[in-house]
Amino acid sequence: MAVISCAQTLQFLQPRNLSFPPSSRLPSQFPRVCHVKTRVSFKSRKTTDITPNLLVRASSSSSDFTSTIGEILREVSIFTASGEPVLFKDLWDQEEGMAVVALLRHFGCPCCWDLASALKESKERFDSAGVKLIAVGVGTPDKARILAERLPFPLDCLYADPDRKAYDVLGLYYGFGRTFFNPASAKVLLRFEALQKAVKNYTIKATPDDKSSVLQQGGMFVFKGKQLVYARKDEGTGDHAPLDDVFDVCCKVPVA
C-alpha cells in the first residue's frame, strides 16, 4: 500500500477551484466551494479562543478557561468505541484522578493516526504514573473502531464525539483556514517518518460522513479530578501538543 504524505492528505480535501496543482482533486462526496473569496459551504461554528501552550495550575490567576470548565465538561455525553453513551465524569476519578484527554481532529485524519500512535506507545508510561489515557475523535463509533483496529489502538481508551460537543465546550479551533493554511501545520513534516509508519494501514473510510467535521481542530488537556492543569489547542492540522510537556505535568518521576 502506498504511504500517504501530509501534502497528499491535504490534497484530497482541497476544493476544486482554489489555486492548487492540477493533480489535486476533491472527491465528489465533498461539498464544493464556489469561490475562494466567498463563504465556503461548510457550516460555520463559533469557537472561543484560548491561549495556545497555556499551562493552568492552582496558583494561576490568568486563564481563558473558567474555573468551572471541568464541571461543564463532566456532563458532556460522548460514546465509547463500542457505541455506548458515556459522560466525561464517568471516565476518570473526579476527585483526585489524573487524566490526559487528547481530542483528535477526526478518525480519518492521518495526522491524528500519528498522534494516536504516539499516545499508544506512551500508554505504559501513563499507566505507571496512574494517569488515565482518554482519546476522543470526531465521528461515529464505527469510525473509531476502524482506527482502533487498523492502527491499532486500545478500544478502552478511545471515544467518539460525533456532534463535537466536547470540542465546543473547550473552544477548539474550527474552520477552513485553520485546517489547510495555518503555518503551524508544517510541524507535521518534522515527524514525517513517524507519520509514514502510523498510516501504513490508513483508510479514508474512517473519515466522518459529515464532511464539515474535517474542519475541526483538536487539542490536549490534563485534568486532576475536575481541575484543569494543562491545556493546549492545536493551531492547525498536525500541530499537536508535545508529549514531553504533558509528561512534565502528569508523569514526572519525583527525585529520590
C-alpha atoms as a PDB file:
ATOM      1  CA  MET A   1       0.000   0.000   0.000  1.00  0.00           C
ATOM      2  CA  ALA A   2       1.319   3.465  -0.875  1.00  0.00           C
ATOM      3  CA  VAL A   3       2.127   5.757   2.030  1.00  0.00           C
ATOM      4  CA  ILE A   4       0.105   8.972   2.185  1.00  0.00           C
ATOM      5  CA  SER A   5       2.174  12.057   2.877  1.00  0.00           C
ATOM      6  CA  CYS A   6       0.889  15.092   4.745  1.00  0.00           C
ATOM      7  CA  ALA A   7       0.768  17.063   1.496  1.00  0.00           C
ATOM      8  CA  GLN A   8      -1.192  14.306  -0.224  1.00  0.00           C
ATOM      9  CA  THR A   9      -3.541  14.172   2.735  1.00  0.00           C
ATOM     10  CA  LEU A  10      -4.344  17.853   2.334  1.00  0.00           C
ATOM     11  CA  GLN A  11      -4.704  17.478  -1.423  1.00  0.00           C
ATOM     12  CA  PHE A  12      -7.642  15.102  -1.316  1.00  0.00           C
ATOM     13  CA  LEU A  13      -9.544  17.585   0.857  1.00  0.00           C
ATOM     14  CA  GLN A  14      -8.848  20.662  -1.284  1.00  0.00           C
ATOM     15  CA  PRO A  15     -11.648  22.444  -3.148  1.00  0.00           C
ATOM     16  CA  ARG A  16     -11.536  22.175  -6.946  1.00  0.00           C
ATOM     17  CA  ASN A  17     -11.356  25.827  -7.840  1.00  0.00           C
ATOM     18  CA  LEU A  18      -8.671  27.071  -5.461  1.00  0.00           C
ATOM     19  CA  SER A  19      -5.236  27.592  -6.949  1.00  0.00           C
ATOM     20  CA  PHE A  20      -3.685  24.225  -6.217  1.00  0.00           C
ATOM     21  CA  PRO A  21      -1.752  21.950  -8.580  1.00  0.00           C
ATOM     22  CA  PRO A  22      -3.851  20.344 -11.355  1.00  0.00           C
ATOM     23  CA  SER A  23      -3.294  16.921  -9.787  1.00  0.00           C
ATOM     24  CA  SER A  24      -5.281  17.965  -6.718  1.00  0.00           C
ATOM     25  CA  ARG A  25      -8.862  16.797  -6.908  1.00  0.00           C
ATOM     26  CA  LEU A  26     -11.658  16.827  -4.353  1.00  0.00           C
ATOM     27  CA  PRO A  27     -13.677  13.594  -4.169  1.00  0.00           C
ATOM     28  CA  SER A  28     -17.247  14.005  -5.367  1.00  0.00           C
ATOM     29  CA  GLN A  29     -18.674  13.336  -1.913  1.00  0.00           C
ATOM     30  CA  PHE A  30     -17.101  16.515  -0.521  1.00  0.00           C
ATOM     31  CA  PRO A  31     -19.041  19.801  -0.613  1.00  0.00           C
ATOM     32  CA  ARG A  32     -17.860  22.170  -3.341  1.00  0.00           C
ATOM     33  CA  VAL A  33     -16.597  25.667  -2.636  1.00  0.00           C
ATOM     34  CA  CYS A  34     -17.840  28.258  -5.117  1.00  0.00           C
ATOM     35  CA  HIS A  35     -15.002  30.757  -4.839  1.00  0.00           C
ATOM     36  CA  VAL A  36     -12.073  31.304  -2.543  1.00  0.00           C
ATOM     37  CA  LYS A  37     -13.383  34.762  -1.573  1.00  0.00           C
ATOM     38  CA  THR A  38     -16.934  33.657  -0.962  1.00  0.00           C
ATOM     39  CA  ARG A  39     -18.274  31.801   2.009  1.00  0.00           C
ATOM     40  CA  VAL A  40     -17.450  28.131   1.922  1.00  0.00           C
ATOM     41  CA  SER A  41     -20.307  25.660   2.011  1.00  0.00           C
ATOM     42  CA  PHE A  42     -19.213  24.035   5.267  1.00  0.00           C
ATOM     43  CA  LYS A  43     -21.399  25.048   8.191  1.00  0.00           C
ATOM     44  CA  SER A  44     -19.742  27.607  10.403  1.00  0.00           C
ATOM     45  CA  ARG A  45     -19.157  27.103  14.077  1.00  0.00           C
ATOM     46  CA  LYS A  46     -18.352  29.542  16.836  1.00  0.00           C
ATOM     47  CA  THR A  47     -15.314  28.893  18.956  1.00  0.00           C
ATOM     48  CA  THR A  48     -13.872  30.660  21.950  1.00  0.00           C
ATOM     49  CA  ASP A  49     -10.199  31.499  21.596  1.00  0.00           C
ATOM     50  CA  ILE A  50      -7.846  30.384  24.308  1.00  0.00           C
ATOM     51  CA  THR A  51      -4.137  30.905  24.530  1.00  0.00           C
ATOM     52  CA  PRO A  52      -2.040  28.143  22.892  1.00  0.00           C
ATOM     53  CA  ASN A  53       0.527  26.448  25.121  1.00  0.00           C
ATOM     54  CA  LEU A  54      -1.474  27.571  28.154  1.00  0.00           C
ATOM     55  CA  LEU A  55      -0.372  25.980  31.418  1.00  0.00           C
ATOM     56  CA  VAL A  56      -3.111  26.223  34.004  1.00  0.00           C
ATOM     57  CA  ARG A  57      -2.193  25.496  37.612  1.00  0.00           C
ATOM     58  CA  ALA A  58      -3.805  26.052  41.005  1.00  0.00           C
ATOM     59  CA  SER A  59      -1.645  29.128  41.566  1.00  0.00           C
ATOM     60  CA  SER A  60      -2.507  30.609  38.190  1.00  0.00           C
ATOM     61  CA  SER A  61      -4.662  33.712  38.254  1.00  0.00           C
ATOM     62  CA  SER A  62      -4.863  34.176  34.477  1.00  0.00           C
ATOM     63  CA  SER A  63      -6.664  31.715  32.279  1.00  0.00           C
ATOM     64  CA  ASP A  64      -9.013  31.883  29.378  1.00  0.00           C
ATOM     65  CA  PHE A  65     -10.813  28.904  30.861  1.00  0.00           C
ATOM     66  CA  THR A  66     -13.380  29.453  33.559  1.00  0.00           C
ATOM     67  CA  SER A  67     -12.797  27.699  36.858  1.00  0.00           C
ATOM     68  CA  THR A  68     -15.911  25.625  36.149  1.00  0.00           C
ATOM     69  CA  ILE A  69     -14.724  24.173  32.824  1.00  0.00           C
ATOM     70  CA  GLY A  70     -14.219  20.781  34.468  1.00  0.00           C
ATOM     71  CA  GLU A  71     -17.758  20.874  35.861  1.00  0.00           C
ATOM     72  CA  ILE A  72     -19.132  21.729  32.414  1.00  0.00           C
ATOM     73  CA  LEU A  73     -17.135  19.086  30.563  1.00  0.00           C
ATOM     74  CA  ARG A  74     -18.004  16.333  33.032  1.00  0.00           C
ATOM     75  CA  GLU A  75     -21.665  16.484  31.959  1.00  0.00           C
ATOM     76  CA  VAL A  76     -20.882  16.163  28.231  1.00  0.00           C
ATOM     77  CA  SER A  77     -22.062  12.891  26.734  1.00  0.00           C
ATOM     78  CA  ILE A  78     -19.963  11.062  24.144  1.00  0.00           C
ATOM     79  CA  PHE A  79     -19.724   7.402  23.061  1.00  0.00           C
ATOM     80  CA  THR A  80     -17.413   4.503  23.699  1.00  0.00           C
ATOM     81  CA  ALA A  81     -15.910   2.892  20.598  1.00  0.00           C
ATOM     82  CA  SER A  82     -18.465   0.109  21.031  1.00  0.00           C
ATOM     83  CA  GLY A  83     -21.309   2.623  20.776  1.00  0.00           C
ATOM     84  CA  GLU A  84     -22.375   3.028  24.409  1.00  0.00           C
ATOM     85  CA  PRO A  85     -23.122   6.589  25.637  1.00  0.00           C
ATOM     86  CA  VAL A  86     -20.915   7.786  28.473  1.00  0.00           C
ATOM     87  CA  LEU A  87     -20.407  11.029  30.396  1.00  0.00           C
ATOM     88  CA  PHE A  88     -16.959  12.543  30.833  1.00  0.00           C
ATOM     89  CA  LYS A  89     -17.414  12.410  34.616  1.00  0.00           C
ATOM     90  CA  ASP A  90     -17.508   8.622  34.396  1.00  0.00           C
ATOM     91  CA  LEU A  91     -14.182   8.360  32.539  1.00  0.00           C
ATOM     92  CA  TRP A  92     -11.865   9.055  35.498  1.00  0.00           C
ATOM     93  CA  ASP A  93     -11.900   9.685  39.246  1.00  0.00           C
ATOM     94  CA  GLN A  94     -13.404  13.170  39.594  1.00  0.00           C
ATOM     95  CA  GLU A  95     -11.824  13.755  42.999  1.00  0.00           C
ATOM     96  CA  GLU A  96      -8.102  13.004  42.697  1.00  0.00           C
ATOM     97  CA  GLY A  97      -7.688  11.017  39.473  1.00  0.00           C
ATOM     98  CA  MET A  98      -5.351  12.256  36.745  1.00  0.00           C
ATOM     99  CA  ALA A  99      -6.444  12.053  33.116  1.00  0.00           C
ATOM    100  CA  VAL A 100      -4.904  13.017  29.800  1.00  0.00           C
ATOM    101  CA  VAL A 101      -7.693  13.906  27.393  1.00  0.00           C
ATOM    102  CA  ALA A 102      -6.473  14.050  23.795  1.00  0.00           C
ATOM    103  CA  LEU A 103      -9.010  15.383  21.329  1.00  0.00           C
ATOM    104  CA  LEU A 104      -8.155  14.259  17.815  1.00  0.00           C
ATOM    105  CA  ARG A 105      -9.424  16.134  14.765  1.00  0.00           C
ATOM    106  CA  HIS A 106     -11.355  13.185  13.374  1.00  0.00           C
ATOM    107  CA  PHE A 107     -10.796   9.453  12.899  1.00  0.00           C
ATOM    108  CA  GLY A 108      -9.940   9.853   9.203  1.00  0.00           C
ATOM    109  CA  CYS A 109      -7.155  12.403   9.770  1.00  0.00           C
ATOM    110  CA  PRO A 110      -3.745  10.803   9.006  1.00  0.00           C
ATOM    111  CA  CYS A 111      -2.035  13.305  11.318  1.00  0.00           C
ATOM    112  CA  CYS A 112      -4.293  12.072  14.109  1.00  0.00           C
ATOM    113  CA  TRP A 113      -3.284   8.487  13.376  1.00  0.00           C
ATOM    114  CA  ASP A 114       0.257   9.700  14.029  1.00  0.00           C
ATOM    115  CA  LEU A 115      -0.811  11.262  17.347  1.00  0.00           C
ATOM    116  CA  ALA A 116      -2.820   8.181  18.314  1.00  0.00           C
ATOM    117  CA  SER A 117       0.226   6.016  17.589  1.00  0.00           C
ATOM    118  CA  ALA A 118       2.389   8.202  19.862  1.00  0.00           C
ATOM    119  CA  LEU A 119      -0.237   8.056  22.601  1.00  0.00           C
ATOM    120  CA  LYS A 120      -0.443   4.276  22.334  1.00  0.00           C
ATOM    121  CA  GLU A 121       3.337   3.998  22.677  1.00  0.00           C
ATOM    122  CA  SER A 122       3.149   6.252  25.743  1.00  0.00           C
ATOM    123  CA  LYS A 123       0.285   4.399  27.422  1.00  0.00           C
ATOM    124  CA  GLU A 124       2.566   2.271  29.589  1.00  0.00           C
ATOM    125  CA  ARG A 125       4.194   5.420  30.934  1.00  0.00           C
ATOM    126  CA  PHE A 126       0.798   6.963  31.669  1.00  0.00           C
ATOM    127  CA  ASP A 127      -0.371   3.761  33.353  1.00  0.00           C
ATOM    128  CA  SER A 128       2.712   3.549  35.562  1.00  0.00           C
ATOM    129  CA  ALA A 129       2.049   7.122  36.720  1.00  0.00           C
ATOM    130  CA  GLY A 130      -1.589   6.319  37.484  1.00  0.00           C
ATOM    131  CA  VAL A 131      -2.833   8.548  34.671  1.00  0.00           C
ATOM    132  CA  LYS A 132      -5.894   7.608  32.618  1.00  0.00           C
ATOM    133  CA  LEU A 133      -5.424   7.997  28.861  1.00  0.00           C
ATOM    134  CA  ILE A 134      -8.530   9.171  27.007  1.00  0.00           C
ATOM    135  CA  ALA A 135      -8.519   9.791  23.250  1.00  0.00           C
ATOM    136  CA  VAL A 136     -11.594  11.366  21.683  1.00  0.00           C
ATOM    137  CA  GLY A 137     -12.225  11.796  17.977  1.00  0.00           C
ATOM    138  CA  VAL A 138     -14.902  13.366  15.815  1.00  0.00           C
ATOM    139  CA  GLY A 139     -17.019  10.728  14.119  1.00  0.00           C
ATOM    140  CA  THR A 140     -19.314   7.855  14.957  1.00  0.00           C
ATOM    141  CA  PRO A 141     -18.227   4.809  16.987  1.00  0.00           C
ATOM    142  CA  ASP A 142     -17.888   2.676  13.851  1.00  0.00           C
ATOM    143  CA  LYS A 143     -15.302   5.168  12.537  1.00  0.00           C
ATOM    144  CA  ALA A 144     -13.481   4.962  15.866  1.00  0.00           C
ATOM    145  CA  ARG A 145     -13.304   1.190  15.551  1.00  0.00           C
ATOM    146  CA  ILE A 146     -11.692   1.494  12.118  1.00  0.00           C
ATOM    147  CA  LEU A 147      -8.808   3.463  13.636  1.00  0.00           C
ATOM    148  CA  ALA A 148      -8.620   1.125  16.647  1.00  0.00           C
ATOM    149  CA  GLU A 149      -8.446  -1.996  14.500  1.00  0.00           C
ATOM    150  CA  ARG A 150      -6.143  -0.771  11.753  1.00  0.00           C
ATOM    151  CA  LEU A 151      -3.627   1.347  13.705  1.00  0.00           C
ATOM    152  CA  PRO A 152      -4.159  -0.442  16.177  1.00  0.00           C
ATOM    153  CA  PHE A 153      -5.249   1.493  19.284  1.00  0.00           C
ATOM    154  CA  PRO A 154      -6.733   0.244  22.589  1.00  0.00           C
ATOM    155  CA  LEU A 155     -10.524   0.337  22.355  1.00  0.00           C
ATOM    156  CA  ASP A 156     -10.976   1.021  26.057  1.00  0.00           C
ATOM    157  CA  CYS A 157      -9.149   4.351  25.661  1.00  0.00           C
ATOM    158  CA  LEU A 158     -10.976   5.533  22.535  1.00  0.00           C
ATOM    159  CA  TYR A 159     -14.199   7.557  22.422  1.00  0.00           C
ATOM    160  CA  ALA A 160     -16.347   9.140  19.731  1.00  0.00           C
ATOM    161  CA  ASP A 161     -17.861  12.632  19.748  1.00  0.00           C
ATOM    162  CA  PRO A 162     -19.894  12.811  16.504  1.00  0.00           C
ATOM    163  CA  ASP A 163     -21.571  16.111  17.437  1.00  0.00           C
ATOM    164  CA  ARG A 164     -18.334  17.771  18.608  1.00  0.00           C
ATOM    165  CA  LYS A 165     -19.857  18.606  21.977  1.00  0.00           C
ATOM    166  CA  ALA A 166     -16.584  18.462  23.908  1.00  0.00           C
ATOM    167  CA  TYR A 167     -14.824  20.453  21.180  1.00  0.00           C
ATOM    168  CA  ASP A 168     -17.356  23.260  21.525  1.00  0.00           C
ATOM    169  CA  VAL A 169     -17.164  23.274  25.321  1.00  0.00           C
ATOM    170  CA  LEU A 170     -13.370  23.564  25.160  1.00  0.00           C
ATOM    171  CA  GLY A 171     -13.484  26.170  22.396  1.00  0.00           C
ATOM    172  CA  LEU A 172     -11.245  24.301  19.961  1.00  0.00           C
ATOM    173  CA  TYR A 173     -10.494  25.892  16.610  1.00  0.00           C
ATOM    174  CA  TYR A 174     -12.706  25.168  13.643  1.00  0.00           C
ATOM    175  CA  GLY A 175     -12.526  26.439  10.091  1.00  0.00           C
ATOM    176  CA  PHE A 176     -11.162  26.185   6.574  1.00  0.00           C
ATOM    177  CA  GLY A 177      -8.122  28.401   7.133  1.00  0.00           C
ATOM    178  CA  ARG A 178      -7.061  26.589  10.317  1.00  0.00           C
ATOM    179  CA  THR A 179      -7.351  23.238   8.573  1.00  0.00           C
ATOM    180  CA  PHE A 180      -5.475  23.925   5.353  1.00  0.00           C
ATOM    181  CA  PHE A 181      -3.491  27.162   5.566  1.00  0.00           C
ATOM    182  CA  ASN A 182      -2.197  27.609   9.116  1.00  0.00           C
ATOM    183  CA  PRO A 183       1.634  27.733   9.265  1.00  0.00           C
ATOM    184  CA  ALA A 184       1.586  25.527  12.374  1.00  0.00           C
ATOM    185  CA  SER A 185       0.504  22.616  10.169  1.00  0.00           C
ATOM    186  CA  ALA A 186       4.038  22.450   8.725  1.00  0.00           C
ATOM    187  CA  LYS A 187       5.238  20.944  12.011  1.00  0.00           C
ATOM    188  CA  VAL A 188       3.945  17.565  10.903  1.00  0.00           C
ATOM    189  CA  LEU A 189       6.758  17.390   8.351  1.00  0.00           C
ATOM    190  CA  LEU A 190       9.215  17.139  11.244  1.00  0.00           C
ATOM    191  CA  ARG A 191       7.554  13.818  12.123  1.00  0.00           C
ATOM    192  CA  PHE A 192       7.398  12.522   8.569  1.00  0.00           C
ATOM    193  CA  GLU A 193       8.913   9.100   9.310  1.00  0.00           C
ATOM    194  CA  ALA A 194       6.575   8.566  12.267  1.00  0.00           C
ATOM    195  CA  LEU A 195       3.632   9.642  10.100  1.00  0.00           C
ATOM    196  CA  GLN A 196       4.619   7.160   7.394  1.00  0.00           C
ATOM    197  CA  LYS A 197       4.660   4.364   9.944  1.00  0.00           C
ATOM    198  CA  ALA A 198       1.357   5.399  11.538  1.00  0.00           C
ATOM    199  CA  VAL A 199      -0.579   5.467   8.250  1.00  0.00           C
ATOM    200  CA  LYS A 200       0.637   2.201   6.777  1.00  0.00           C
ATOM    201  CA  ASN A 201      -2.840   0.723   7.354  1.00  0.00           C
ATOM    202  CA  TYR A 202      -4.689   4.012   6.906  1.00  0.00           C
ATOM    203  CA  THR A 203      -8.058   4.163   5.157  1.00  0.00           C
ATOM    204  CA  ILE A 204     -10.145   7.183   4.217  1.00  0.00           C
ATOM    205  CA  LYS A 205     -13.205   5.180   5.289  1.00  0.00           C
ATOM    206  CA  ALA A 206     -12.556   6.396   8.840  1.00  0.00           C
ATOM    207  CA  THR A 207     -13.454   9.949   7.761  1.00  0.00           C
ATOM    208  CA  PRO A 208     -16.781  11.157   9.257  1.00  0.00           C
ATOM    209  CA  ASP A 209     -19.819  11.058   6.989  1.00  0.00           C
ATOM    210  CA  ASP A 210     -20.468  14.680   7.967  1.00  0.00           C
ATOM    211  CA  LYS A 211     -17.751  16.271   5.841  1.00  0.00           C
ATOM    212  CA  SER A 212     -17.921  19.559   7.756  1.00  0.00           C
ATOM    213  CA  SER A 213     -16.178  17.641  10.556  1.00  0.00           C
ATOM    214  CA  VAL A 214     -12.879  17.664   8.645  1.00  0.00           C
ATOM    215  CA  LEU A 215     -12.549  21.356   9.530  1.00  0.00           C
ATOM    216  CA  GLN A 216     -12.357  20.629  13.266  1.00  0.00           C
ATOM    217  CA  GLN A 217      -9.055  21.014  15.116  1.00  0.00           C
ATOM    218  CA  GLY A 218      -8.104  19.147  18.259  1.00  0.00           C
ATOM    219  CA  GLY A 219      -6.266  19.787  21.493  1.00  0.00           C
ATOM    220  CA  MET A 220      -4.670  18.260  24.581  1.00  0.00           C
ATOM    221  CA  PHE A 221      -5.890  18.603  28.175  1.00  0.00           C
ATOM    222  CA  VAL A 222      -4.827  17.226  31.527  1.00  0.00           C
ATOM    223  CA  PHE A 223      -7.181  17.073  34.489  1.00  0.00           C
ATOM    224  CA  LYS A 224      -6.645  16.287  38.140  1.00  0.00           C
ATOM    225  CA  GLY A 225     -10.114  15.442  39.305  1.00  0.00           C
ATOM    226  CA  LYS A 226     -12.256  18.254  37.894  1.00  0.00           C
ATOM    227  CA  GLN A 227      -9.355  20.715  37.891  1.00  0.00           C
ATOM    228  CA  LEU A 228      -7.778  21.584  34.547  1.00  0.00           C
ATOM    229  CA  VAL A 229      -3.986  21.604  34.982  1.00  0.00           C
ATOM    230  CA  TYR A 230      -2.812  21.737  31.364  1.00  0.00           C
ATOM    231  CA  ALA A 231      -4.444  22.849  28.141  1.00  0.00           C
ATOM    232  CA  ARG A 232      -3.285  23.341  24.594  1.00  0.00           C
ATOM    233  CA  LYS A 233      -5.298  23.928  21.442  1.00  0.00           C
ATOM    234  CA  ASP A 234      -3.968  22.718  18.099  1.00  0.00           C
ATOM    235  CA  GLU A 235      -3.268  25.798  15.984  1.00  0.00           C
ATOM    236  CA  GLY A 236      -3.575  23.814  12.757  1.00  0.00           C
ATOM    237  CA  THR A 237      -3.684  20.309  11.313  1.00  0.00           C
ATOM    238  CA  GLY A 238      -0.952  18.172  12.862  1.00  0.00           C
ATOM    239  CA  ASP A 239       0.041  20.841  15.410  1.00  0.00           C
ATOM    240  CA  HIS A 240      -0.126  18.536  18.394  1.00  0.00           C
ATOM    241  CA  ALA A 241       0.958  19.215  21.965  1.00  0.00           C
ATOM    242  CA  PRO A 242       4.497  17.994  22.740  1.00  0.00           C
ATOM    243  CA  LEU A 243       4.068  14.855  24.830  1.00  0.00           C
ATOM    244  CA  ASP A 244       7.107  15.830  26.892  1.00  0.00           C
ATOM    245  CA  ASP A 245       5.096  18.821  28.133  1.00  0.00           C
ATOM    246  CA  VAL A 246       2.231  16.502  29.055  1.00  0.00           C
ATOM    247  CA  PHE A 247       4.597  14.144  30.867  1.00  0.00           C
ATOM    248  CA  ASP A 248       6.086  17.074  32.800  1.00  0.00           C
ATOM    249  CA  VAL A 249       2.622  17.881  34.115  1.00  0.00           C
ATOM    250  CA  CYS A 250       1.287  14.442  34.996  1.00  0.00           C
ATOM    251  CA  CYS A 251       4.006  11.816  34.780  1.00  0.00           C
ATOM    252  CA  LYS A 252       7.121  13.431  36.204  1.00  0.00           C
ATOM    253  CA  VAL A 253       9.119  10.961  38.272  1.00  0.00           C
ATOM    254  CA  PRO A 254       9.938  12.532  41.663  1.00  0.00           C
ATOM    255  CA  VAL A 255      13.586  12.905  42.520  1.00  0.00           C
ATOM    256  CA  ALA A 256      14.605  10.377  45.179  1.00  0.00           C
END
